[in-house]
Amino acid sequence: MHRTQIYFEESLFEEIKKEANSLGISISAYIRDVLKRDLDRKKREPKKVELSRFAGLWKNRDITQKSLREKAWK
């Protein structure tokens, strides 16, 4: 296990401490659990694609149904 040091604002630390105490676990275990749940949730979420990257991709190209069919049957 890796050891690290984190600084929290006092009010946030008090909330963390209260929650850990209510669950009957250490502050460290609580922080690990919260981070693990957040990371697991992000892994399950579908990746968002920034569609603006593709804007103009087909600009100045003939992509009419007729032209596509002509190219497909060559």
PDB file of N, CA and C in Angstrom:
ATOM      1  N   MET A   1       0.842  -1.171   0.000  1.00  0.00           N
ATOM      2  CA  MET A   1       0.000   0.000   0.000  1.00  0.00           C
ATOM      3  C   MET A   1       0.894   1.243   0.000  1.00  0.00           C
ATOM      4  N   HIS A   2       0.472   2.243  -0.729  1.00  0.00           N
ATOM      5  CA  HIS A   2       1.230   3.486  -0.829  1.00  0.00           C
ATOM      6  C   HIS A   2       0.758   4.461   0.244  1.00  0.00           C
ATOM      7  N   ARG A   3       1.666   5.154   0.833  1.00  0.00           N
ATOM      8  CA  ARG A   3       1.334   6.151   1.856  1.00  0.00           C
ATOM      9  C   ARG A   3       1.488   7.532   1.244  1.00  0.00           C
ATOM     10  N   THR A   4       0.511   8.397   1.527  1.00  0.00           N
ATOM     11  CA  THR A   4       0.571   9.770   1.023  1.00  0.00           C
ATOM     12  C   THR A   4       0.009  10.724   2.068  1.00  0.00           C
ATOM     13  N   GLN A   5       0.269  11.976   1.872  1.00  0.00           N
ATOM     14  CA  GLN A   5      -0.222  12.991   2.799  1.00  0.00           C
ATOM     15  C   GLN A   5      -1.135  13.945   2.021  1.00  0.00           C
ATOM     16  N   ILE A   6      -2.308  14.202   2.588  1.00  0.00           N
ATOM     17  CA  ILE A   6      -3.291  15.059   1.934  1.00  0.00           C
ATOM     18  C   ILE A   6      -3.706  16.149   2.911  1.00  0.00           C
ATOM     19  N   TYR A   7      -3.862  17.358   2.396  1.00  0.00           N
ATOM     20  CA  TYR A   7      -4.326  18.470   3.216  1.00  0.00           C
ATOM     21  C   TYR A   7      -5.790  18.732   2.909  1.00  0.00           C
ATOM     22  N   PHE A   8      -6.610  18.829   3.966  1.00  0.00           N
ATOM     23  CA  PHE A   8      -8.028  19.115   3.824  1.00  0.00           C
ATOM     24  C   PHE A   8      -8.357  20.409   4.553  1.00  0.00           C
ATOM     25  N   GLU A   9      -9.344  21.122   4.025  1.00  0.00           N
ATOM     26  CA  GLU A   9      -9.882  22.245   4.779  1.00  0.00           C
ATOM     27  C   GLU A   9     -10.497  21.670   6.044  1.00  0.00           C
ATOM     28  N   GLU A  10     -10.449  22.419   7.114  1.00  0.00           N
ATOM     29  CA  GLU A  10     -10.904  21.921   8.412  1.00  0.00           C
ATOM     30  C   GLU A  10     -12.356  21.439   8.366  1.00  0.00           C
ATOM     31  N   SER A  11     -13.242  22.194   7.713  1.00  0.00           N
ATOM     32  CA  SER A  11     -14.662  21.806   7.671  1.00  0.00           C
ATOM     33  C   SER A  11     -14.851  20.488   6.909  1.00  0.00           C
ATOM     34  N   LEU A  12     -14.130  20.310   5.830  1.00  0.00           N
ATOM     35  CA  LEU A  12     -14.220  19.062   5.073  1.00  0.00           C
ATOM     36  C   LEU A  12     -13.692  17.898   5.891  1.00  0.00           C
ATOM     37  N   PHE A  13     -12.585  18.095   6.572  1.00  0.00           N
ATOM     38  CA  PHE A  13     -12.016  17.038   7.400  1.00  0.00           C
ATOM     39  C   PHE A  13     -12.987  16.619   8.498  1.00  0.00           C
ATOM     40  N   GLU A  14     -13.684  17.579   9.094  1.00  0.00           N
ATOM     41  CA  GLU A  14     -14.653  17.252  10.151  1.00  0.00           C
ATOM     42  C   GLU A  14     -15.793  16.400   9.591  1.00  0.00           C
ATOM     43  N   GLU A  15     -16.253  16.728   8.385  1.00  0.00           N
ATOM     44  CA  GLU A  15     -17.302  15.923   7.755  1.00  0.00           C
ATOM     45  C   GLU A  15     -16.816  14.508   7.475  1.00  0.00           C
ATOM     46  N   ILE A  16     -15.595  14.400   6.972  1.00  0.00           N
ATOM     47  CA  ILE A  16     -15.002  13.083   6.684  1.00  0.00           C
ATOM     48  C   ILE A  16     -14.899  12.272   7.968  1.00  0.00           C
ATOM     49  N   LYS A  17     -14.421  12.911   9.008  1.00  0.00           N
ATOM     50  CA  LYS A  17     -14.240  12.233  10.294  1.00  0.00           C
ATOM     51  C   LYS A  17     -15.587  11.758  10.854  1.00  0.00           C
ATOM     52  N   LYS A  18     -16.613  12.596  10.781  1.00  0.00           N
ATOM     53  CA  LYS A  18     -17.941  12.207  11.274  1.00  0.00           C
ATOM     54  C   LYS A  18     -18.484  11.014  10.494  1.00  0.00           C
ATOM     55  N   GLU A  19     -18.339  11.054   9.181  1.00  0.00           N
ATOM     56  CA  GLU A  19     -18.858   9.965   8.346  1.00  0.00           C
ATOM     57  C   GLU A  19     -18.124   8.660   8.639  1.00  0.00           C
ATOM     58  N   ALA A  20     -16.796   8.728   8.736  1.00  0.00           N
ATOM     59  CA  ALA A  20     -16.007   7.526   9.043  1.00  0.00           C
ATOM     60  C   ALA A  20     -16.414   6.960  10.398  1.00  0.00           C
ATOM     61  N   ASN A  21     -16.590   7.834  11.387  1.00  0.00           N
ATOM     62  CA  ASN A  21     -16.997   7.382  12.724  1.00  0.00           C
ATOM     63  C   ASN A  21     -18.369   6.730  12.689  1.00  0.00           C
ATOM     64  N   SER A  22     -19.303   7.314  11.916  1.00  0.00           N
ATOM     65  CA  SER A  22     -20.654   6.750  11.854  1.00  0.00           C
ATOM     66  C   SER A  22     -20.651   5.369  11.194  1.00  0.00           C
ATOM     67  N   LEU A  23     -19.695   5.137  10.318  1.00  0.00           N
ATOM     68  CA  LEU A  23     -19.579   3.832   9.663  1.00  0.00           C
ATOM     69  C   LEU A  23     -18.709   2.856  10.455  1.00  0.00           C
ATOM     70  N   GLY A  24     -18.039   3.372  11.466  1.00  0.00           N
ATOM     71  CA  GLY A  24     -17.191   2.517  12.299  1.00  0.00           C
ATOM     72  C   GLY A  24     -15.894   2.113  11.620  1.00  0.00           C
ATOM     73  N   ILE A  25     -15.396   2.979  10.735  1.00  0.00           N
ATOM     74  CA  ILE A  25     -14.138   2.682  10.048  1.00  0.00           C
ATOM     75  C   ILE A  25     -13.179   3.856  10.228  1.00  0.00           C
ATOM     76  N   SER A  26     -11.924   3.627   9.894  1.00  0.00           N
ATOM     77  CA  SER A  26     -10.925   4.689  10.020  1.00  0.00           C
ATOM     78  C   SER A  26     -11.139   5.735   8.931  1.00  0.00           C
ATOM     79  N   ILE A  27     -10.584   6.898   9.158  1.00  0.00           N
ATOM     80  CA  ILE A  27     -10.651   7.967   8.161  1.00  0.00           C
ATOM     81  C   ILE A  27      -9.986   7.506   6.867  1.00  0.00           C
ATOM     82  N   SER A  28      -8.849   6.843   6.995  1.00  0.00           N
ATOM     83  CA  SER A  28      -8.140   6.352   5.803  1.00  0.00           C
ATOM     84  C   SER A  28      -8.987   5.367   5.012  1.00  0.00           C
ATOM     85  N   ALA A  29      -9.633   4.435   5.719  1.00  0.00           N
ATOM     86  CA  ALA A  29     -10.475   3.446   5.041  1.00  0.00           C
ATOM     87  C   ALA A  29     -11.652   4.131   4.351  1.00  0.00           C
ATOM     88  N   TYR A  30     -12.226   5.123   5.011  1.00  0.00           N
ATOM     89  CA  TYR A  30     -13.345   5.855   4.416  1.00  0.00           C
ATOM     90  C   TYR A  30     -12.909   6.566   3.130  1.00  0.00           C
ATOM     91  N   ILE A  31     -11.787   7.253   3.178  1.00  0.00           N
ATOM     92  CA  ILE A  31     -11.289   7.972   2.001  1.00  0.00           C
ATOM     93  C   ILE A  31     -10.993   6.988   0.873  1.00  0.00           C
ATOM     94  N   ARG A  32     -10.359   5.847   1.179  1.00  0.00           N
ATOM     95  CA  ARG A  32     -10.092   4.838   0.151  1.00  0.00           C
ATOM     96  C   ARG A  32     -11.385   4.332  -0.472  1.00  0.00           C
ATOM     97  N   ASP A  33     -12.392   4.044   0.377  1.00  0.00           N
ATOM     98  CA  ASP A  33     -13.671   3.536  -0.125  1.00  0.00           C
ATOM     99  C   ASP A  33     -14.351   4.550  -1.050  1.00  0.00           C
ATOM    100  N   VAL A  34     -14.375   5.812  -0.637  1.00  0.00           N
ATOM    101  CA  VAL A  34     -15.026   6.845  -1.450  1.00  0.00           C
ATOM    102  C   VAL A  34     -14.310   6.997  -2.789  1.00  0.00           C
ATOM    103  N   LEU A  35     -12.993   7.031  -2.762  1.00  0.00           N
ATOM    104  CA  LEU A  35     -12.236   7.174  -4.008  1.00  0.00           C
ATOM    105  C   LEU A  35     -12.415   5.962  -4.913  1.00  0.00           C
ATOM    106  N   LYS A  36     -12.401   4.773  -4.327  1.00  0.00           N
ATOM    107  CA  LYS A  36     -12.573   3.559  -5.129  1.00  0.00           C
ATOM    108  C   LYS A  36     -13.945   3.540  -5.789  1.00  0.00           C
ATOM    109  N   ARG A  37     -15.006   3.894  -5.042  1.00  0.00           N
ATOM    110  CA  ARG A  37     -16.350   3.930  -5.615  1.00  0.00           C
ATOM    111  C   ARG A  37     -16.426   4.933  -6.760  1.00  0.00           C
ATOM    112  N   ASP A  38     -15.817   6.099  -6.580  1.00  0.00           N
ATOM    113  CA  ASP A  38     -15.845   7.122  -7.618  1.00  0.00           C
ATOM    114  C   ASP A  38     -15.115   6.642  -8.875  1.00  0.00           C
ATOM    115  N   LEU A  39     -13.955   6.043  -8.711  1.00  0.00           N
ATOM    116  CA  LEU A  39     -13.193   5.546  -9.858  1.00  0.00           C
ATOM    117  C   LEU A  39     -13.919   4.398 -10.559  1.00  0.00           C
ATOM    118  N   ASP A  40     -14.536   3.497  -9.778  1.00  0.00           N
ATOM    119  CA  ASP A  40     -15.298   2.395 -10.372  1.00  0.00           C
ATOM    120  C   ASP A  40     -16.482   2.926 -11.162  1.00  0.00           C
ATOM    121  N   ARG A  41     -17.171   3.940 -10.638  1.00  0.00           N
ATOM    122  CA  ARG A  41     -18.313   4.535 -11.329  1.00  0.00           C
ATOM    123  C   ARG A  41     -17.870   5.151 -12.654  1.00  0.00           C
ATOM    124  N   LYS A  42     -16.727   5.818 -12.632  1.00  0.00           N
ATOM    125  CA  LYS A  42     -16.229   6.449 -13.854  1.00  0.00           C
ATOM    126  C   LYS A  42     -15.847   5.411 -14.906  1.00  0.00           C
ATOM    127  N   LYS A  43     -15.367   4.257 -14.482  1.00  0.00           N
ATOM    128  CA  LYS A  43     -15.018   3.191 -15.428  1.00  0.00           C
ATOM    129  C   LYS A  43     -16.261   2.641 -16.116  1.00  0.00           C
ATOM    130  N   ARG A  44     -17.397   2.600 -15.383  1.00  0.00           N
ATOM    131  CA  ARG A  44     -18.633   2.049 -15.931  1.00  0.00           C
ATOM    132  C   ARG A  44     -19.372   3.041 -16.818  1.00  0.00           C
ATOM    133  N   GLU A  45     -19.129   4.327 -16.635  1.00  0.00           N
ATOM    134  CA  GLU A  45     -19.818   5.345 -17.430  1.00  0.00           C
ATOM    135  C   GLU A  45     -19.350   5.282 -18.878  1.00  0.00           C
ATOM    136  N   PRO A  46     -20.287   5.444 -19.804  1.00  0.00           N
ATOM    137  CA  PRO A  46     -19.849   5.489 -21.203  1.00  0.00           C
ATOM    138  C   PRO A  46     -18.985   6.735 -21.438  1.00  0.00           C
ATOM    139  N   LYS A  47     -17.985   6.567 -22.231  1.00  0.00           N
ATOM    140  CA  LYS A  47     -17.095   7.681 -22.538  1.00  0.00           C
ATOM    141  C   LYS A  47     -17.840   8.708 -23.376  1.00  0.00           C
ATOM    142  N   LYS A  48     -17.675   9.968 -23.031  1.00  0.00           N
ATOM    143  CA  LYS A  48     -18.306  11.038 -23.776  1.00  0.00           C
ATOM    144  C   LYS A  48     -17.390  11.449 -24.923  1.00  0.00           C
ATOM    145  N   VAL A  49     -17.981  11.571 -26.095  1.00  0.00           N
ATOM    146  CA  VAL A  49     -17.227  11.956 -27.276  1.00  0.00           C
ATOM    147  C   VAL A  49     -17.535  13.414 -27.577  1.00  0.00           C
ATOM    148  N   GLU A  50     -16.519  14.204 -27.726  1.00  0.00           N
ATOM    149  CA  GLU A  50     -16.687  15.611 -28.054  1.00  0.00           C
ATOM    150  C   GLU A  50     -16.925  15.707 -29.557  1.00  0.00           C
ATOM    151  N   LEU A  51     -18.188  15.833 -29.942  1.00  0.00           N
ATOM    152  CA  LEU A  51     -18.544  15.811 -31.357  1.00  0.00           C
ATOM    153  C   LEU A  51     -18.074  17.046 -32.108  1.00  0.00           C
ATOM    154  N   SER A  52     -17.784  18.116 -31.417  1.00  0.00           N
ATOM    155  CA  SER A  52     -17.325  19.318 -32.111  1.00  0.00           C
ATOM    156  C   SER A  52     -15.992  19.078 -32.820  1.00  0.00           C
ATOM    157  N   ARG A  53     -15.256  18.049 -32.395  1.00  0.00           N
ATOM    158  CA  ARG A  53     -13.999  17.712 -33.075  1.00  0.00           C
ATOM    159  C   ARG A  53     -14.245  17.300 -34.517  1.00  0.00           C
ATOM    160  N   PHE A  54     -15.447  16.811 -34.806  1.00  0.00           N
ATOM    161  CA  PHE A  54     -15.754  16.296 -36.126  1.00  0.00           C
ATOM    162  C   PHE A  54     -16.477  17.311 -37.006  1.00  0.00           C
ATOM    163  N   ALA A  55     -16.722  18.486 -36.474  1.00  0.00           N
ATOM    164  CA  ALA A  55     -17.428  19.504 -37.248  1.00  0.00           C
ATOM    165  C   ALA A  55     -16.639  19.822 -38.512  1.00  0.00           C
ATOM    166  N   GLY A  56     -17.321  19.813 -39.623  1.00  0.00           N
ATOM    167  CA  GLY A  56     -16.673  20.127 -40.887  1.00  0.00           C
ATOM    168  C   GLY A  56     -15.943  18.974 -41.526  1.00  0.00           C
ATOM    169  N   LEU A  57     -16.032  17.801 -40.952  1.00  0.00           N
ATOM    170  CA  LEU A  57     -15.313  16.642 -41.465  1.00  0.00           C
ATOM    171  C   LEU A  57     -15.696  16.328 -42.912  1.00  0.00           C
ATOM    172  N   TRP A  58     -16.977  16.486 -43.248  1.00  0.00           N
ATOM    173  CA  TRP A  58     -17.454  16.156 -44.582  1.00  0.00           C
ATOM    174  C   TRP A  58     -17.661  17.400 -45.443  1.00  0.00           C
ATOM    175  N   LYS A  59     -17.156  18.510 -44.988  1.00  0.00           N
ATOM    176  CA  LYS A  59     -17.308  19.754 -45.736  1.00  0.00           C
ATOM    177  C   LYS A  59     -16.641  19.610 -47.116  1.00  0.00           C
ATOM    178  N   ASN A  60     -17.297  20.138 -48.119  1.00  0.00           N
ATOM    179  CA  ASN A  60     -16.800  20.120 -49.504  1.00  0.00           C
ATOM    180  C   ASN A  60     -16.682  18.711 -50.080  1.00  0.00           C
ATOM    181  N   ARG A  61     -17.421  17.769 -49.546  1.00  0.00           N
ATOM    182  CA  ARG A  61     -17.428  16.410 -50.101  1.00  0.00           C
ATOM    183  C   ARG A  61     -18.840  16.093 -50.578  1.00  0.00           C
ATOM    184  N   ASP A  62     -18.909  15.390 -51.665  1.00  0.00           N
ATOM    185  CA  ASP A  62     -20.210  15.005 -52.205  1.00  0.00           C
ATOM    186  C   ASP A  62     -20.642  13.707 -51.527  1.00  0.00           C
ATOM    187  N   ILE A  63     -21.534  13.830 -50.576  1.00  0.00           N
ATOM    188  CA  ILE A  63     -21.996  12.635 -49.857  1.00  0.00           C
ATOM    189  C   ILE A  63     -23.488  12.429 -50.062  1.00  0.00           C
ATOM    190  N   THR A  64     -23.963  12.828 -51.230  1.00  0.00           N
ATOM    191  CA  THR A  64     -25.369  12.583 -51.553  1.00  0.00           C
ATOM    192  C   THR A  64     -25.563  11.089 -51.755  1.00  0.00           C
ATOM    193  N   GLN A  65     -26.803  10.670 -51.603  1.00  0.00           N
ATOM    194  CA  GLN A  65     -27.118   9.256 -51.774  1.00  0.00           C
ATOM    195  C   GLN A  65     -26.707   8.770 -53.162  1.00  0.00           C
ATOM    196  N   LYS A  66     -26.948   9.596 -54.146  1.00  0.00           N
ATOM    197  CA  LYS A  66     -26.619   9.232 -55.530  1.00  0.00           C
ATOM    198  C   LYS A  66     -25.123   9.006 -55.700  1.00  0.00           C
ATOM    199  N   SER A  67     -24.302   9.943 -55.202  1.00  0.00           N
ATOM    200  CA  SER A  67     -22.853   9.800 -55.381  1.00  0.00           C
ATOM    201  C   SER A  67     -22.301   8.618 -54.594  1.00  0.00           C
ATOM    202  N   LEU A  68     -22.844   8.378 -53.424  1.00  0.00           N
ATOM    203  CA  LEU A  68     -22.382   7.232 -52.637  1.00  0.00           C
ATOM    204  C   LEU A  68     -22.718   5.915 -53.328  1.00  0.00           C
ATOM    205  N   ARG A  69     -23.903   5.842 -53.899  1.00  0.00           N
ATOM    206  CA  ARG A  69     -24.280   4.627 -54.624  1.00  0.00           C
ATOM    207  C   ARG A  69     -23.403   4.418 -55.856  1.00  0.00           C
ATOM    208  N   GLU A  70     -23.110   5.495 -56.564  1.00  0.00           N
ATOM    209  CA  GLU A  70     -22.257   5.391 -57.751  1.00  0.00           C
ATOM    210  C   GLU A  70     -20.878   4.856 -57.378  1.00  0.00           C
ATOM    211  N   LYS A  71     -20.318   5.359 -56.292  1.00  0.00           N
ATOM    212  CA  LYS A  71     -18.985   4.915 -55.851  1.00  0.00           C
ATOM    213  C   LYS A  71     -19.027   3.467 -55.346  1.00  0.00           C
ATOM    214  N   ALA A  72     -20.131   3.103 -54.693  1.00  0.00           N
ATOM    215  CA  ALA A  72     -20.235   1.750 -54.135  1.00  0.00           C
ATOM    216  C   ALA A  72     -20.334   0.689 -55.221  1.00  0.00           C
ATOM    217  N   TRP A  73     -20.922   1.022 -56.375  1.00  0.00           N
ATOM    218  CA  TRP A  73     -21.135   0.036 -57.419  1.00  0.00           C
ATOM    219  C   TRP A  73     -20.098   0.085 -58.504  1.00  0.00           C
ATOM    220  N   LYS A  74     -18.995   0.743 -58.282  1.00  0.00           N
ATOM    221  CA  LYS A  74     -17.920   0.778 -59.289  1.00  0.00           C
ATOM    222  C   LYS A  74     -17.132  -0.502 -59.276  1.00  0.00           C
TER     223      LYS A  74
END
